[in-house]
Amino acid sequence: MTWFNRQSRLVQLLLLLIPVVNWIVEIVVRWSTFLKKGGFIRLIVCILVTIPSGIVIGWLDCIWVLLFKKLFLQ
């Protein structure tokens, strides 16, 4: 998560805009955050991101990063 947050907004948006890259970034960021902080909501989001619907959540995160400069439900 800290690696992702240290990137410029443009790099973050590009990572979340490309479909397969977006899914991989979502999995890595979400699961690493869950392992560090725990929480039921984070676990649910991690499971949702791991299955192929994670690409849709990644695009939602792309819009969320553009508007609020952080990931959705982070």
Protein backbone atom coordinates (compact mmCIF):
# COMPACT_ATOMS: atom_id res chain seq x y z
CA MET A 1 0.00 0.00 0.00
CA THR A 2 2.78 2.44 0.83
CA TRP A 3 4.46 1.68 -2.49
CA PHE A 4 1.23 2.48 -4.33
CA ASN A 5 0.67 5.69 -2.35
CA ARG A 6 4.21 6.92 -3.07
CA GLN A 7 3.60 6.81 -6.82
CA SER A 8 2.47 9.92 -8.66
CA ARG A 9 -1.25 10.23 -9.41
CA LEU A 10 -0.57 9.64 -13.10
CA VAL A 11 1.23 6.34 -12.41
CA GLN A 12 -1.53 5.27 -10.01
CA LEU A 13 -4.19 6.02 -12.61
CA LEU A 14 -2.29 4.16 -15.32
CA LEU A 15 -1.83 1.13 -13.07
CA LEU A 16 -5.55 1.08 -12.33
CA LEU A 17 -6.64 1.77 -15.90
CA ILE A 18 -4.97 -1.21 -17.63
CA PRO A 19 -7.23 -4.27 -17.06
CA VAL A 20 -4.81 -7.09 -16.15
CA VAL A 21 -2.31 -4.80 -14.41
CA ASN A 22 -5.20 -3.24 -12.50
CA TRP A 23 -6.27 -6.66 -11.20
CA ILE A 24 -2.75 -7.59 -10.08
CA VAL A 25 -2.22 -4.22 -8.37
CA GLU A 26 -5.59 -4.53 -6.63
CA ILE A 27 -4.77 -8.02 -5.33
CA VAL A 28 -1.32 -7.04 -4.05
CA VAL A 29 -2.41 -3.76 -2.46
CA ARG A 30 -5.62 -5.08 -0.90
CA TRP A 31 -4.16 -8.30 0.53
CA SER A 32 -1.06 -6.59 1.90
CA THR A 33 -3.25 -4.00 3.63
CA PHE A 34 -5.48 -6.73 5.04
CA LEU A 35 -2.48 -8.68 6.36
CA LYS A 36 -1.11 -5.57 8.09
CA LYS A 37 -4.33 -4.04 9.45
CA GLY A 38 -6.94 -6.82 9.38
CA GLY A 39 -10.65 -6.10 9.49
CA PHE A 40 -13.81 -7.74 8.23
CA ILE A 41 -14.58 -5.15 5.52
CA ARG A 42 -11.01 -5.40 4.18
CA LEU A 43 -11.35 -9.19 4.03
CA ILE A 44 -14.60 -8.94 2.04
CA VAL A 45 -13.02 -6.44 -0.37
CA CYS A 46 -9.95 -8.69 -0.75
CA ILE A 47 -12.12 -11.67 -1.65
CA LEU A 48 -14.13 -9.58 -4.13
CA VAL A 49 -10.94 -8.29 -5.75
CA THR A 50 -9.40 -11.77 -6.02
CA ILE A 51 -12.20 -13.13 -8.19
CA PRO A 52 -12.47 -11.71 -11.74
CA SER A 53 -14.84 -8.96 -10.61
CA GLY A 54 -11.69 -7.32 -9.26
CA ILE A 55 -11.21 -5.64 -12.64
CA VAL A 56 -14.48 -3.73 -12.17
CA ILE A 57 -13.44 -2.76 -8.64
CA GLY A 58 -10.11 -1.64 -10.08
CA TRP A 59 -11.83 0.72 -12.49
CA LEU A 60 -13.93 2.03 -9.62
CA ASP A 61 -10.67 2.59 -7.74
CA CYS A 62 -9.27 4.44 -10.75
CA ILE A 63 -12.14 6.92 -10.59
CA TRP A 64 -11.89 7.10 -6.79
CA VAL A 65 -8.14 7.86 -6.94
CA LEU A 66 -8.83 10.56 -9.50
CA LEU A 67 -11.46 12.21 -7.27
CA PHE A 68 -10.24 11.55 -3.72
CA LYS A 69 -6.54 10.53 -4.05
CA LYS A 70 -7.02 7.22 -2.22
CA LEU A 71 -8.41 3.75 -2.95
CA PHE A 72 -12.08 2.94 -2.41
CA LEU A 73 -12.71 1.49 1.09
CA GLN A 74 -9.10 2.02 2.17
